[in-house]
N, C-alpha and C. Protein backbone atom coordinates (compact mmCIF):
# COMPACT_ATOMS: atom_id res chain seq x y z
N UNK A 1 133.64 52.25 160.32
CA UNK A 1 134.72 52.22 159.38
C UNK A 1 136.02 52.22 160.16
N UNK A 2 136.82 51.22 159.98
CA UNK A 2 138.11 51.09 160.66
C UNK A 2 139.19 51.66 159.75
N UNK A 3 140.14 52.39 160.35
CA UNK A 3 141.18 53.01 159.56
C UNK A 3 142.53 52.40 159.91
N UNK A 4 143.36 52.17 158.90
CA UNK A 4 144.72 51.73 159.13
C UNK A 4 145.62 52.48 158.16
N UNK A 5 146.80 52.82 158.63
CA UNK A 5 147.73 53.61 157.83
C UNK A 5 148.77 52.70 157.19
N UNK A 6 149.07 53.01 155.94
CA UNK A 6 150.13 52.30 155.23
C UNK A 6 151.15 53.34 154.80
N UNK A 7 152.38 52.94 154.73
CA UNK A 7 153.41 53.89 154.36
C UNK A 7 153.30 54.31 152.91
N UNK A 8 153.72 55.53 152.64
CA UNK A 8 153.74 56.05 151.29
C UNK A 8 155.09 56.64 150.99
N UNK A 9 155.27 57.14 149.80
CA UNK A 9 156.52 57.76 149.44
C UNK A 9 156.31 59.25 149.31
N UNK A 10 157.34 60.02 149.61
CA UNK A 10 157.23 61.46 149.51
C UNK A 10 156.24 62.01 150.51
N UNK A 11 155.54 63.08 150.12
CA UNK A 11 154.61 63.74 151.03
C UNK A 11 153.24 63.10 151.05
N UNK A 12 152.93 62.26 150.08
CA UNK A 12 151.61 61.65 150.05
C UNK A 12 151.60 60.36 150.87
N UNK A 13 150.43 59.96 151.26
CA UNK A 13 150.28 58.80 152.12
C UNK A 13 149.05 58.02 151.67
N UNK A 14 149.20 56.70 151.58
CA UNK A 14 148.05 55.85 151.27
C UNK A 14 147.56 55.24 152.58
N UNK A 15 146.28 55.43 152.83
CA UNK A 15 145.66 54.84 154.00
C UNK A 15 144.58 53.89 153.53
N UNK A 16 144.34 52.86 154.30
CA UNK A 16 143.31 51.89 153.97
C UNK A 16 142.22 51.99 155.04
N UNK A 17 141.02 52.28 154.59
CA UNK A 17 139.87 52.34 155.48
C UNK A 17 139.03 51.08 155.24
N UNK A 18 138.67 50.41 156.31
CA UNK A 18 137.85 49.21 156.22
C UNK A 18 136.39 49.58 156.41
N UNK A 19 135.55 49.08 155.52
CA UNK A 19 134.11 49.33 155.59
C UNK A 19 133.40 47.99 155.74
N UNK A 20 132.58 47.87 156.78
CA UNK A 20 131.76 46.67 156.96
C UNK A 20 130.34 46.98 156.49
N UNK A 21 129.82 46.11 155.64
CA UNK A 21 128.46 46.30 155.15
C UNK A 21 127.57 45.19 155.70
N UNK A 22 126.27 45.49 155.76
CA UNK A 22 125.35 44.54 156.37
C UNK A 22 124.26 44.02 155.45
N UNK A 23 124.31 44.41 154.18
CA UNK A 23 123.27 43.98 153.25
C UNK A 23 123.90 43.73 151.88
N UNK A 24 123.18 43.02 151.02
CA UNK A 24 123.69 42.75 149.68
C UNK A 24 123.93 44.04 148.92
N UNK A 25 122.95 44.95 148.96
CA UNK A 25 123.12 46.27 148.37
C UNK A 25 123.03 47.29 149.50
N UNK A 26 124.09 48.08 149.65
CA UNK A 26 124.11 49.10 150.71
C UNK A 26 124.94 50.28 150.22
N UNK A 27 124.37 51.47 150.32
CA UNK A 27 125.06 52.69 149.96
C UNK A 27 125.35 53.41 151.28
N UNK A 28 126.62 53.43 151.68
CA UNK A 28 127.01 53.84 153.03
C UNK A 28 127.82 55.14 152.99
N UNK A 29 127.37 56.15 153.72
CA UNK A 29 128.05 57.45 153.78
C UNK A 29 129.36 57.31 154.57
N UNK A 30 130.47 57.62 153.92
CA UNK A 30 131.79 57.52 154.57
C UNK A 30 132.49 58.89 154.62
N UNK A 31 131.75 59.96 154.39
CA UNK A 31 132.33 61.31 154.34
C UNK A 31 133.08 61.66 155.61
N UNK A 32 132.47 61.47 156.76
CA UNK A 32 133.09 61.85 158.04
C UNK A 32 134.40 61.09 158.26
N UNK A 33 134.40 59.82 157.90
CA UNK A 33 135.61 59.02 158.08
C UNK A 33 136.75 59.50 157.19
N UNK A 34 136.41 59.87 155.94
CA UNK A 34 137.44 60.37 155.02
C UNK A 34 137.97 61.70 155.54
N UNK A 35 137.09 62.57 156.02
CA UNK A 35 137.54 63.85 156.58
C UNK A 35 138.44 63.64 157.80
N UNK A 36 138.17 62.62 158.62
CA UNK A 36 139.05 62.33 159.76
C UNK A 36 140.44 61.92 159.29
N UNK A 37 140.52 61.15 158.21
CA UNK A 37 141.82 60.76 157.68
C UNK A 37 142.59 61.98 157.18
N UNK A 38 141.90 62.90 156.54
CA UNK A 38 142.54 64.13 156.05
C UNK A 38 143.04 64.96 157.22
N UNK A 39 142.23 65.10 158.25
CA UNK A 39 142.64 65.86 159.43
C UNK A 39 143.83 65.21 160.11
N UNK A 40 143.80 63.88 160.22
CA UNK A 40 144.91 63.16 160.84
C UNK A 40 146.20 63.34 160.04
N UNK A 41 146.07 63.46 158.71
CA UNK A 41 147.25 63.66 157.86
C UNK A 41 147.75 65.10 157.95
N UNK A 42 146.93 66.02 158.46
CA UNK A 42 147.34 67.40 158.61
C UNK A 42 147.43 68.16 157.30
N UNK A 43 146.65 67.74 156.30
CA UNK A 43 146.67 68.39 154.99
C UNK A 43 145.55 69.44 154.92
N UNK A 44 145.92 70.68 154.63
CA UNK A 44 144.95 71.77 154.52
C UNK A 44 144.43 71.95 153.11
N UNK A 45 145.29 71.64 152.12
CA UNK A 45 144.91 71.86 150.73
C UNK A 45 145.57 70.81 149.87
N UNK A 46 144.82 70.27 148.91
CA UNK A 46 145.37 69.25 148.03
C UNK A 46 144.28 68.46 147.36
N UNK A 47 144.55 67.17 147.18
CA UNK A 47 143.59 66.25 146.58
C UNK A 47 143.46 65.01 147.42
N UNK A 48 142.26 64.45 147.42
CA UNK A 48 141.99 63.18 148.07
C UNK A 48 141.53 62.21 146.99
N UNK A 49 142.32 61.18 146.77
CA UNK A 49 141.99 60.16 145.77
C UNK A 49 141.46 58.93 146.50
N UNK A 50 140.27 58.50 146.13
CA UNK A 50 139.61 57.36 146.76
C UNK A 50 139.50 56.25 145.73
N UNK A 51 139.85 55.03 146.14
CA UNK A 51 139.82 53.90 145.22
C UNK A 51 139.30 52.67 145.95
N UNK A 52 138.36 51.98 145.33
CA UNK A 52 137.78 50.75 145.87
C UNK A 52 138.33 49.58 145.06
N UNK A 53 139.18 48.72 145.68
CA UNK A 53 139.81 47.62 144.93
C UNK A 53 138.95 46.35 144.91
N UNK A 54 137.70 46.51 144.54
CA UNK A 54 136.77 45.37 144.50
C UNK A 54 135.95 45.44 143.22
N UNK A 55 135.63 44.30 142.65
CA UNK A 55 134.88 44.27 141.39
C UNK A 55 133.36 44.27 141.58
N UNK A 56 132.91 44.19 142.82
CA UNK A 56 131.47 44.21 143.09
C UNK A 56 131.09 45.30 144.09
N UNK A 57 131.87 46.37 144.10
CA UNK A 57 131.61 47.52 144.96
C UNK A 57 131.99 48.77 144.18
N UNK A 58 131.67 49.93 144.74
CA UNK A 58 132.01 51.17 144.06
C UNK A 58 132.01 52.33 145.03
N UNK A 59 132.19 53.53 144.48
CA UNK A 59 132.20 54.75 145.28
C UNK A 59 131.57 55.86 144.47
N UNK A 60 130.82 56.73 145.14
CA UNK A 60 130.19 57.83 144.43
C UNK A 60 130.03 59.03 145.34
N UNK A 61 129.77 60.18 144.72
CA UNK A 61 129.47 61.42 145.42
C UNK A 61 128.03 61.77 145.07
N UNK A 62 127.21 62.02 146.11
CA UNK A 62 125.83 62.41 145.88
C UNK A 62 125.29 63.07 147.13
N UNK A 63 124.00 63.32 147.18
CA UNK A 63 123.40 64.01 148.31
C UNK A 63 123.48 63.19 149.58
N UNK A 64 123.93 63.85 150.66
CA UNK A 64 124.01 63.17 151.95
C UNK A 64 123.10 63.78 153.00
N UNK A 65 122.41 64.86 152.66
CA UNK A 65 121.53 65.51 153.64
C UNK A 65 120.32 64.64 153.98
N UNK A 66 119.81 63.93 153.00
CA UNK A 66 118.65 63.06 153.20
C UNK A 66 119.10 61.62 152.97
N UNK A 67 119.14 60.78 154.01
CA UNK A 67 119.61 59.40 153.85
C UNK A 67 118.76 58.57 152.89
N UNK A 68 117.54 59.02 152.61
CA UNK A 68 116.70 58.29 151.66
C UNK A 68 117.26 58.33 150.24
N UNK A 69 118.08 59.33 149.93
CA UNK A 69 118.67 59.40 148.60
C UNK A 69 119.56 58.18 148.37
N UNK A 70 120.37 57.81 149.35
CA UNK A 70 121.24 56.63 149.22
C UNK A 70 120.41 55.36 149.06
N UNK A 71 119.33 55.25 149.81
CA UNK A 71 118.44 54.10 149.69
C UNK A 71 117.82 54.06 148.30
N UNK A 72 117.39 55.24 147.82
CA UNK A 72 116.79 55.32 146.48
C UNK A 72 117.79 54.93 145.39
N UNK A 73 119.05 55.35 145.52
CA UNK A 73 120.07 54.99 144.53
C UNK A 73 120.27 53.48 144.50
N UNK A 74 120.39 52.87 145.68
CA UNK A 74 120.54 51.42 145.74
C UNK A 74 119.35 50.69 145.15
N UNK A 75 118.15 51.15 145.46
CA UNK A 75 116.93 50.53 144.93
C UNK A 75 116.84 50.69 143.41
N UNK A 76 117.20 51.87 142.92
CA UNK A 76 117.15 52.11 141.48
C UNK A 76 118.15 51.21 140.75
N UNK A 77 119.33 51.05 141.30
CA UNK A 77 120.32 50.16 140.67
C UNK A 77 119.83 48.71 140.69
N UNK A 78 119.18 48.30 141.78
CA UNK A 78 118.63 46.95 141.85
C UNK A 78 117.56 46.74 140.79
N UNK A 79 116.75 47.76 140.51
CA UNK A 79 115.72 47.65 139.47
C UNK A 79 116.33 47.67 138.07
N UNK A 80 117.33 48.53 137.88
CA UNK A 80 117.98 48.64 136.57
C UNK A 80 118.76 47.39 136.19
N UNK A 81 119.40 46.80 137.21
CA UNK A 81 120.25 45.63 137.00
C UNK A 81 119.78 44.54 137.96
N UNK A 82 118.74 43.79 137.59
CA UNK A 82 118.18 42.78 138.50
C UNK A 82 119.16 41.63 138.75
N UNK A 83 119.02 41.05 139.92
CA UNK A 83 119.93 39.96 140.33
C UNK A 83 119.81 38.74 139.42
N UNK A 84 118.62 38.37 139.07
CA UNK A 84 118.39 37.16 138.26
C UNK A 84 117.88 37.55 136.88
N UNK A 85 118.80 37.88 135.99
CA UNK A 85 118.41 38.29 134.64
C UNK A 85 119.07 37.42 133.58
N UNK A 86 119.41 36.18 133.95
CA UNK A 86 119.97 35.25 132.98
C UNK A 86 121.41 35.54 132.59
N UNK A 87 122.21 36.03 133.53
CA UNK A 87 123.62 36.31 133.25
C UNK A 87 124.40 35.03 133.05
N UNK A 88 125.49 35.10 132.33
CA UNK A 88 126.34 33.93 132.07
C UNK A 88 127.35 33.68 133.19
N UNK A 89 127.70 34.72 133.94
CA UNK A 89 128.69 34.59 135.02
C UNK A 89 128.19 33.56 136.04
N UNK A 90 128.98 32.55 136.31
CA UNK A 90 128.53 31.39 137.09
C UNK A 90 128.45 31.62 138.60
N UNK A 91 129.04 32.68 139.13
CA UNK A 91 129.07 32.86 140.59
C UNK A 91 127.77 33.42 141.17
N UNK A 92 126.86 33.86 140.31
CA UNK A 92 125.59 34.38 140.80
C UNK A 92 125.64 35.84 141.23
N UNK A 93 126.72 36.55 140.92
CA UNK A 93 126.80 37.95 141.30
C UNK A 93 127.11 38.87 140.12
N UNK A 94 126.71 38.46 138.92
CA UNK A 94 126.97 39.26 137.72
C UNK A 94 126.35 40.64 137.84
N UNK A 95 125.17 40.72 138.45
CA UNK A 95 124.54 42.03 138.63
C UNK A 95 125.43 42.97 139.44
N UNK A 96 126.13 42.43 140.42
CA UNK A 96 127.02 43.23 141.25
C UNK A 96 128.18 43.80 140.44
N UNK A 97 128.70 43.00 139.52
CA UNK A 97 129.78 43.47 138.64
C UNK A 97 129.29 44.59 137.73
N UNK A 98 128.09 44.44 137.20
CA UNK A 98 127.53 45.46 136.31
C UNK A 98 127.30 46.76 137.09
N UNK A 99 126.73 46.68 138.29
CA UNK A 99 126.49 47.87 139.11
C UNK A 99 127.80 48.58 139.44
N UNK A 100 128.83 47.82 139.78
CA UNK A 100 130.14 48.42 140.06
C UNK A 100 130.67 49.15 138.83
N UNK A 101 130.48 48.56 137.66
CA UNK A 101 130.93 49.19 136.42
C UNK A 101 130.17 50.48 136.15
N UNK A 102 128.88 50.51 136.46
CA UNK A 102 128.07 51.71 136.25
C UNK A 102 128.45 52.84 137.22
N UNK A 103 128.67 52.49 138.46
CA UNK A 103 128.97 53.49 139.49
C UNK A 103 130.43 53.95 139.41
N UNK A 104 131.34 53.02 139.21
CA UNK A 104 132.77 53.34 139.19
C UNK A 104 133.43 53.04 140.52
N UNK A 105 134.76 52.94 140.49
CA UNK A 105 135.50 52.54 141.68
C UNK A 105 136.45 53.61 142.20
N UNK A 106 136.38 54.83 141.67
CA UNK A 106 137.28 55.88 142.16
C UNK A 106 136.64 57.25 142.08
N UNK A 107 137.11 58.12 142.96
CA UNK A 107 136.72 59.53 142.98
C UNK A 107 137.95 60.34 143.40
N UNK A 108 138.11 61.51 142.84
CA UNK A 108 139.15 62.45 143.27
C UNK A 108 138.45 63.74 143.65
N UNK A 109 138.70 64.18 144.88
CA UNK A 109 137.99 65.33 145.43
C UNK A 109 139.02 66.31 145.98
N UNK A 110 138.88 67.61 145.68
CA UNK A 110 139.80 68.60 146.25
C UNK A 110 139.68 68.65 147.77
N UNK A 111 140.77 69.03 148.41
CA UNK A 111 140.80 69.28 149.85
C UNK A 111 140.99 70.78 150.02
N UNK A 112 140.11 71.40 150.80
CA UNK A 112 140.21 72.82 151.12
C UNK A 112 139.91 72.99 152.60
N UNK A 113 140.74 73.74 153.29
CA UNK A 113 140.51 73.98 154.71
C UNK A 113 140.59 72.72 155.55
N UNK A 114 141.38 71.74 155.11
CA UNK A 114 141.57 70.52 155.89
C UNK A 114 140.44 69.52 155.79
N UNK A 115 139.58 69.67 154.77
CA UNK A 115 138.47 68.73 154.60
C UNK A 115 138.10 68.63 153.13
N UNK A 116 137.29 67.63 152.79
CA UNK A 116 136.83 67.47 151.41
C UNK A 116 136.06 68.71 150.98
N UNK A 117 136.35 69.21 149.78
CA UNK A 117 135.67 70.40 149.26
C UNK A 117 134.42 69.97 148.48
N UNK A 118 133.47 69.42 149.22
CA UNK A 118 132.22 68.96 148.63
C UNK A 118 131.21 70.09 148.59
N UNK A 119 130.21 69.95 147.72
CA UNK A 119 129.11 70.89 147.68
C UNK A 119 128.27 70.78 148.94
N UNK A 120 127.43 71.76 149.15
CA UNK A 120 126.62 71.86 150.37
C UNK A 120 125.91 70.57 150.75
N UNK A 121 125.34 69.87 149.79
CA UNK A 121 124.53 68.70 150.08
C UNK A 121 125.26 67.39 149.78
N UNK A 122 126.51 67.47 149.32
CA UNK A 122 127.21 66.27 148.87
C UNK A 122 127.88 65.49 149.99
N UNK A 123 127.99 64.19 149.76
CA UNK A 123 128.73 63.30 150.62
C UNK A 123 129.39 62.22 149.77
N UNK A 124 130.30 61.48 150.38
CA UNK A 124 130.99 60.38 149.71
C UNK A 124 130.37 59.07 150.21
N UNK A 125 130.05 58.20 149.27
CA UNK A 125 129.36 56.96 149.61
C UNK A 125 130.12 55.74 149.11
N UNK A 126 130.29 54.75 149.99
CA UNK A 126 130.77 53.44 149.59
C UNK A 126 129.55 52.65 149.13
N UNK A 127 129.66 51.99 148.00
CA UNK A 127 128.53 51.25 147.43
C UNK A 127 128.83 49.75 147.44
N UNK A 128 128.08 49.03 148.24
CA UNK A 128 128.19 47.57 148.31
C UNK A 128 127.13 46.96 147.42
N UNK A 129 127.56 46.03 146.56
CA UNK A 129 126.62 45.37 145.66
C UNK A 129 126.61 43.85 145.82
N UNK A 130 127.45 43.31 146.70
CA UNK A 130 127.54 41.86 146.87
C UNK A 130 127.86 41.52 148.32
N UNK A 131 127.14 42.15 149.22
CA UNK A 131 127.41 41.99 150.64
C UNK A 131 126.49 40.98 151.29
N UNK A 132 126.54 40.95 152.61
CA UNK A 132 127.41 41.76 153.46
C UNK A 132 128.85 41.27 153.41
N UNK A 133 129.77 42.22 153.55
CA UNK A 133 131.21 41.93 153.50
C UNK A 133 131.99 42.95 154.29
N UNK A 134 133.28 42.67 154.40
CA UNK A 134 134.23 43.65 154.90
C UNK A 134 135.06 44.08 153.69
N UNK A 135 135.10 45.38 153.44
CA UNK A 135 135.73 45.92 152.23
C UNK A 135 136.79 46.95 152.59
N UNK A 136 137.51 47.39 151.56
CA UNK A 136 138.54 48.42 151.74
C UNK A 136 138.28 49.60 150.82
N UNK A 137 138.65 50.76 151.30
CA UNK A 137 138.75 51.96 150.47
C UNK A 137 140.17 52.46 150.65
N UNK A 138 140.89 52.56 149.55
CA UNK A 138 142.25 53.11 149.61
C UNK A 138 142.14 54.62 149.45
N UNK A 139 142.79 55.33 150.34
CA UNK A 139 142.70 56.78 150.39
C UNK A 139 144.11 57.36 150.25
N UNK A 140 144.34 58.09 149.17
CA UNK A 140 145.63 58.74 148.96
C UNK A 140 145.41 60.24 149.08
N UNK A 141 146.11 60.84 150.02
CA UNK A 141 145.99 62.26 150.29
C UNK A 141 147.22 62.94 149.72
N UNK A 142 146.99 63.85 148.77
CA UNK A 142 148.08 64.54 148.09
C UNK A 142 148.06 66.02 148.47
N UNK A 143 149.01 66.46 149.28
CA UNK A 143 149.04 67.89 149.62
C UNK A 143 149.50 68.73 148.44
N UNK A 144 149.09 70.01 148.43
CA UNK A 144 149.57 70.94 147.39
C UNK A 144 151.05 71.20 147.59
């Protein structure tokens, strides 16, 4: 995950993190990278707003202790929303749009002690549904 900083107004800052995916469906743990951005910003307490500006990708919070959970989520979404189900969208990626709509494109997570205040087993995942591609996650860090 490549990080680049963009200017913001006031005390908050919007950063853009680049995520490269290697498969059509990939659920990729980006927790460590987001925590590095928070540490670099020097924020001890506040909010971290994550936004994926893509219509065929998403972001979610789920278990990160066992990497098979991410694989299972991707597989379950592929079964729930099959690629070839007679969609009307002509580009051939209608399933990816539906998966993005189901997962969502944003998360807001508290910051405590200079890092994401996630539960013991939780992590933040970028969800690729139309890859492989190079994508962005916009990260806005709001100090208290």
